[in-house]
Amino acid sequence: MSVPLVPLADYVVLEQEKAKTRTASGLYLPEAAAEKPKVATVLAVGPGRIGDDNELIKVAVKVGDKVVYGGYTNTEIKIGDTAYLLVKEQDLYAVVKG
């Protein structure tokens, strides 16, 4: 999949997982009540940031990783019909294994 965004520094482009539309018991949820998951797939990764010693510190995740993210400074960008999240590496909490 070609991503129309090239992240700079230690930013990562994510595609958020779809919100669940049904409960575990099978009830349908209205879109407004569906909680957006904080799990997403990494689509693009910036080159990294410059550390205190002027050395490049690469981003710890790679394209294809599934990550848990948080933070309030995430930027949502919609291009065409696709919504992307632009997140700083420090707002990534974990890589989902398996």
N, C-alpha and C. Protein backbone atom coordinates (compact mmCIF):
# COMPACT_ATOMS: atom_id res chain seq x y z
N MET A 1 0.84 -1.17 0.00
CA MET A 1 0.00 0.00 0.00
C MET A 1 0.89 1.24 0.00
N SER A 2 0.65 2.11 -0.92
CA SER A 2 1.41 3.35 -1.00
C SER A 2 0.77 4.40 -0.11
N VAL A 3 1.56 5.01 0.74
CA VAL A 3 1.07 6.01 1.68
C VAL A 3 1.42 7.39 1.13
N PRO A 4 0.45 8.31 1.05
CA PRO A 4 0.72 9.64 0.49
C PRO A 4 1.40 10.60 1.46
N LEU A 5 1.88 10.09 2.59
CA LEU A 5 2.56 10.92 3.58
C LEU A 5 3.95 10.38 3.84
N VAL A 6 4.93 11.26 3.94
CA VAL A 6 6.29 10.89 4.31
C VAL A 6 6.59 11.58 5.63
N PRO A 7 6.61 10.83 6.75
CA PRO A 7 6.82 11.47 8.05
C PRO A 7 8.25 11.98 8.21
N LEU A 8 8.38 13.06 8.95
CA LEU A 8 9.68 13.65 9.24
C LEU A 8 10.08 13.29 10.67
N ALA A 9 11.36 13.41 10.96
CA ALA A 9 11.92 13.19 12.30
C ALA A 9 11.43 11.87 12.87
N ASP A 10 10.88 11.90 14.11
CA ASP A 10 10.46 10.66 14.75
C ASP A 10 8.94 10.48 14.73
N TYR A 11 8.32 10.98 13.66
CA TYR A 11 6.88 10.78 13.49
C TYR A 11 6.61 9.47 12.76
N VAL A 12 5.43 8.91 13.01
CA VAL A 12 5.01 7.64 12.43
C VAL A 12 3.60 7.83 11.88
N VAL A 13 3.34 7.29 10.68
CA VAL A 13 2.00 7.32 10.09
C VAL A 13 1.31 6.01 10.43
N LEU A 14 0.10 6.12 11.01
CA LEU A 14 -0.65 4.94 11.44
C LEU A 14 -1.99 4.87 10.74
N GLU A 15 -2.50 3.64 10.60
CA GLU A 15 -3.88 3.43 10.18
C GLU A 15 -4.59 2.77 11.34
N GLN A 16 -5.58 3.47 11.87
CA GLN A 16 -6.28 3.01 13.06
C GLN A 16 -7.19 1.83 12.73
N GLU A 17 -7.28 0.89 13.68
CA GLU A 17 -8.20 -0.22 13.51
C GLU A 17 -9.63 0.32 13.57
N LYS A 18 -10.52 -0.36 12.91
CA LYS A 18 -11.92 0.05 12.89
C LYS A 18 -12.56 -0.18 14.25
N ALA A 19 -13.46 0.71 14.63
CA ALA A 19 -14.19 0.57 15.89
C ALA A 19 -15.16 -0.60 15.76
N LYS A 20 -15.35 -1.32 16.86
CA LYS A 20 -16.28 -2.44 16.86
C LYS A 20 -17.71 -1.90 16.79
N THR A 21 -18.52 -2.58 15.99
CA THR A 21 -19.91 -2.15 15.81
C THR A 21 -20.88 -3.06 16.55
N ARG A 22 -20.35 -4.10 17.21
CA ARG A 22 -21.20 -5.02 17.98
C ARG A 22 -20.54 -5.31 19.32
N THR A 23 -21.36 -5.53 20.32
CA THR A 23 -20.84 -5.92 21.63
C THR A 23 -20.55 -7.41 21.62
N ALA A 24 -19.92 -7.91 22.69
CA ALA A 24 -19.63 -9.33 22.80
C ALA A 24 -20.91 -10.16 22.80
N SER A 25 -22.00 -9.59 23.29
CA SER A 25 -23.28 -10.33 23.33
C SER A 25 -24.06 -10.21 22.02
N GLY A 26 -23.54 -9.45 21.05
CA GLY A 26 -24.17 -9.37 19.74
C GLY A 26 -25.01 -8.14 19.48
N LEU A 27 -25.09 -7.22 20.44
CA LEU A 27 -25.86 -5.99 20.24
C LEU A 27 -25.10 -5.04 19.32
N TYR A 28 -25.82 -4.39 18.42
CA TYR A 28 -25.21 -3.41 17.53
C TYR A 28 -25.05 -2.08 18.25
N LEU A 29 -23.89 -1.44 18.03
CA LEU A 29 -23.60 -0.14 18.63
C LEU A 29 -23.77 0.97 17.59
N PRO A 30 -24.39 2.08 17.96
CA PRO A 30 -24.41 3.21 17.04
C PRO A 30 -23.00 3.76 16.89
N GLU A 31 -22.71 4.36 15.77
CA GLU A 31 -21.34 4.84 15.50
C GLU A 31 -20.84 5.79 16.58
N ALA A 32 -21.72 6.64 17.11
CA ALA A 32 -21.32 7.60 18.14
C ALA A 32 -20.91 6.91 19.43
N ALA A 33 -21.45 5.73 19.71
CA ALA A 33 -21.16 5.03 20.96
C ALA A 33 -19.96 4.10 20.83
N ALA A 34 -19.54 3.81 19.62
CA ALA A 34 -18.43 2.89 19.41
C ALA A 34 -17.12 3.58 19.80
N GLU A 35 -16.40 2.99 20.73
CA GLU A 35 -15.13 3.56 21.19
C GLU A 35 -14.04 3.21 20.19
N LYS A 36 -13.28 4.22 19.76
CA LYS A 36 -12.19 3.96 18.82
C LYS A 36 -11.06 3.24 19.55
N PRO A 37 -10.58 2.16 18.97
CA PRO A 37 -9.48 1.45 19.61
C PRO A 37 -8.19 2.26 19.53
N LYS A 38 -7.29 2.01 20.45
CA LYS A 38 -5.99 2.69 20.45
C LYS A 38 -4.91 1.75 19.90
N VAL A 39 -5.31 0.93 18.92
CA VAL A 39 -4.38 0.02 18.25
C VAL A 39 -4.40 0.38 16.77
N ALA A 40 -3.21 0.43 16.17
CA ALA A 40 -3.11 0.83 14.77
C ALA A 40 -1.93 0.11 14.11
N THR A 41 -1.93 0.13 12.79
CA THR A 41 -0.86 -0.47 12.00
C THR A 41 0.05 0.64 11.49
N VAL A 42 1.37 0.42 11.58
CA VAL A 42 2.36 1.39 11.11
C VAL A 42 2.44 1.31 9.59
N LEU A 43 2.22 2.46 8.93
CA LEU A 43 2.28 2.52 7.46
C LEU A 43 3.56 3.17 6.95
N ALA A 44 4.13 4.09 7.74
CA ALA A 44 5.36 4.79 7.34
C ALA A 44 6.06 5.29 8.59
N VAL A 45 7.39 5.37 8.52
CA VAL A 45 8.21 5.76 9.67
C VAL A 45 9.21 6.82 9.23
N GLY A 46 9.34 7.87 10.05
CA GLY A 46 10.33 8.91 9.78
C GLY A 46 11.74 8.39 10.03
N PRO A 47 12.75 9.14 9.64
CA PRO A 47 14.14 8.70 9.78
C PRO A 47 14.63 8.65 11.23
N GLY A 48 14.01 9.38 12.14
CA GLY A 48 14.45 9.41 13.53
C GLY A 48 14.71 10.84 13.98
N ARG A 49 15.23 10.94 15.20
CA ARG A 49 15.51 12.27 15.75
C ARG A 49 17.00 12.37 16.08
N ILE A 50 17.47 13.59 16.21
CA ILE A 50 18.87 13.83 16.55
C ILE A 50 18.98 13.88 18.07
N GLY A 51 19.86 13.06 18.63
CA GLY A 51 20.07 13.01 20.07
C GLY A 51 20.98 14.12 20.55
N ASP A 52 21.22 14.13 21.86
CA ASP A 52 22.07 15.16 22.46
C ASP A 52 23.50 15.13 21.93
N ASP A 53 23.95 13.97 21.46
CA ASP A 53 25.30 13.84 20.92
C ASP A 53 25.35 14.05 19.41
N ASN A 54 24.26 14.62 18.85
CA ASN A 54 24.13 14.88 17.41
C ASN A 54 24.13 13.62 16.56
N GLU A 55 23.83 12.48 17.15
CA GLU A 55 23.71 11.23 16.41
C GLU A 55 22.23 10.96 16.14
N LEU A 56 21.95 10.32 15.00
CA LEU A 56 20.58 9.97 14.64
C LEU A 56 20.09 8.79 15.48
N ILE A 57 18.96 8.96 16.14
CA ILE A 57 18.32 7.88 16.90
C ILE A 57 17.13 7.43 16.08
N LYS A 58 17.22 6.22 15.51
CA LYS A 58 16.17 5.72 14.63
C LYS A 58 14.92 5.37 15.42
N VAL A 59 13.79 5.41 14.73
CA VAL A 59 12.50 5.05 15.33
C VAL A 59 12.49 3.55 15.58
N ALA A 60 11.93 3.14 16.72
CA ALA A 60 12.00 1.74 17.17
C ALA A 60 10.99 0.81 16.48
N VAL A 61 10.02 1.35 15.75
CA VAL A 61 9.04 0.50 15.08
C VAL A 61 9.30 0.49 13.59
N LYS A 62 8.68 -0.48 12.90
CA LYS A 62 8.86 -0.58 11.45
C LYS A 62 7.49 -0.71 10.78
N VAL A 63 7.48 -0.49 9.48
CA VAL A 63 6.25 -0.61 8.70
C VAL A 63 5.68 -2.01 8.88
N GLY A 64 4.39 -2.09 9.14
CA GLY A 64 3.71 -3.36 9.32
C GLY A 64 3.49 -3.73 10.78
N ASP A 65 4.22 -3.09 11.70
CA ASP A 65 4.01 -3.36 13.13
C ASP A 65 2.62 -2.91 13.53
N LYS A 66 2.03 -3.62 14.47
CA LYS A 66 0.76 -3.20 15.09
C LYS A 66 1.14 -2.63 16.44
N VAL A 67 0.71 -1.40 16.72
CA VAL A 67 1.14 -0.70 17.93
C VAL A 67 -0.05 -0.20 18.74
N VAL A 68 0.21 0.01 20.03
CA VAL A 68 -0.73 0.66 20.94
C VAL A 68 -0.22 2.09 21.09
N TYR A 69 -1.12 3.06 20.91
CA TYR A 69 -0.70 4.45 20.97
C TYR A 69 -1.61 5.24 21.91
N GLY A 70 -1.17 6.42 22.27
CA GLY A 70 -1.95 7.29 23.13
C GLY A 70 -1.56 8.72 22.86
N GLY A 71 -1.77 9.57 23.83
CA GLY A 71 -1.39 10.97 23.69
C GLY A 71 -2.53 11.81 23.15
N TYR A 72 -2.40 13.10 23.35
CA TYR A 72 -3.43 14.04 22.91
C TYR A 72 -2.97 14.89 21.75
N THR A 73 -1.74 14.72 21.30
CA THR A 73 -1.22 15.56 20.23
C THR A 73 -1.22 14.85 18.89
N ASN A 74 -1.88 13.70 18.79
CA ASN A 74 -1.94 12.98 17.52
C ASN A 74 -2.72 13.82 16.50
N THR A 75 -2.28 13.76 15.26
CA THR A 75 -2.93 14.52 14.20
C THR A 75 -3.62 13.57 13.25
N GLU A 76 -4.92 13.75 13.05
CA GLU A 76 -5.66 12.92 12.09
C GLU A 76 -5.72 13.66 10.77
N ILE A 77 -5.36 12.96 9.70
CA ILE A 77 -5.34 13.54 8.37
C ILE A 77 -6.16 12.65 7.46
N LYS A 78 -7.10 13.23 6.73
CA LYS A 78 -7.91 12.46 5.81
C LYS A 78 -7.51 12.84 4.39
N ILE A 79 -7.09 11.84 3.63
CA ILE A 79 -6.73 12.03 2.22
C ILE A 79 -7.61 11.09 1.42
N GLY A 80 -8.47 11.66 0.60
CA GLY A 80 -9.45 10.85 -0.13
C GLY A 80 -10.41 10.24 0.88
N ASP A 81 -10.58 8.94 0.82
CA ASP A 81 -11.48 8.24 1.74
C ASP A 81 -10.74 7.63 2.92
N THR A 82 -9.44 7.80 2.99
CA THR A 82 -8.63 7.15 4.02
C THR A 82 -8.19 8.15 5.07
N ALA A 83 -8.34 7.76 6.34
CA ALA A 83 -7.90 8.59 7.46
C ALA A 83 -6.58 8.02 8.00
N TYR A 84 -5.62 8.89 8.22
CA TYR A 84 -4.32 8.51 8.76
C TYR A 84 -4.11 9.24 10.07
N LEU A 85 -3.29 8.65 10.94
CA LEU A 85 -2.86 9.31 12.17
C LEU A 85 -1.38 9.59 12.07
N LEU A 86 -0.97 10.79 12.45
CA LEU A 86 0.44 11.15 12.51
C LEU A 86 0.78 11.28 13.99
N VAL A 87 1.68 10.41 14.47
CA VAL A 87 1.97 10.27 15.90
C VAL A 87 3.47 10.34 16.13
N LYS A 88 3.90 11.03 17.19
CA LYS A 88 5.31 11.03 17.58
C LYS A 88 5.65 9.68 18.22
N GLU A 89 6.87 9.24 18.04
CA GLU A 89 7.30 7.96 18.58
C GLU A 89 7.07 7.89 20.10
N GLN A 90 7.24 8.99 20.82
CA GLN A 90 7.07 8.96 22.28
C GLN A 90 5.64 8.65 22.69
N ASP A 91 4.67 8.77 21.77
CA ASP A 91 3.27 8.44 22.06
C ASP A 91 2.91 7.01 21.69
N LEU A 92 3.91 6.23 21.26
CA LEU A 92 3.69 4.80 21.01
C LEU A 92 4.08 4.05 22.28
N TYR A 93 3.17 3.21 22.79
CA TYR A 93 3.38 2.57 24.07
C TYR A 93 3.87 1.14 23.97
N ALA A 94 3.48 0.41 22.91
CA ALA A 94 3.85 -0.99 22.82
C ALA A 94 3.65 -1.49 21.40
N VAL A 95 4.35 -2.57 21.06
CA VAL A 95 4.13 -3.29 19.82
C VAL A 95 3.33 -4.54 20.18
N VAL A 96 2.25 -4.78 19.44
CA VAL A 96 1.40 -5.94 19.69
C VAL A 96 2.04 -7.13 18.98
N LYS A 97 2.32 -8.18 19.72
CA LYS A 97 2.93 -9.38 19.13
C LYS A 97 1.85 -10.38 18.77
N GLY A 98 2.14 -11.15 17.72
CA GLY A 98 1.23 -12.22 17.33
C GLY A 98 0.23 -11.80 16.42
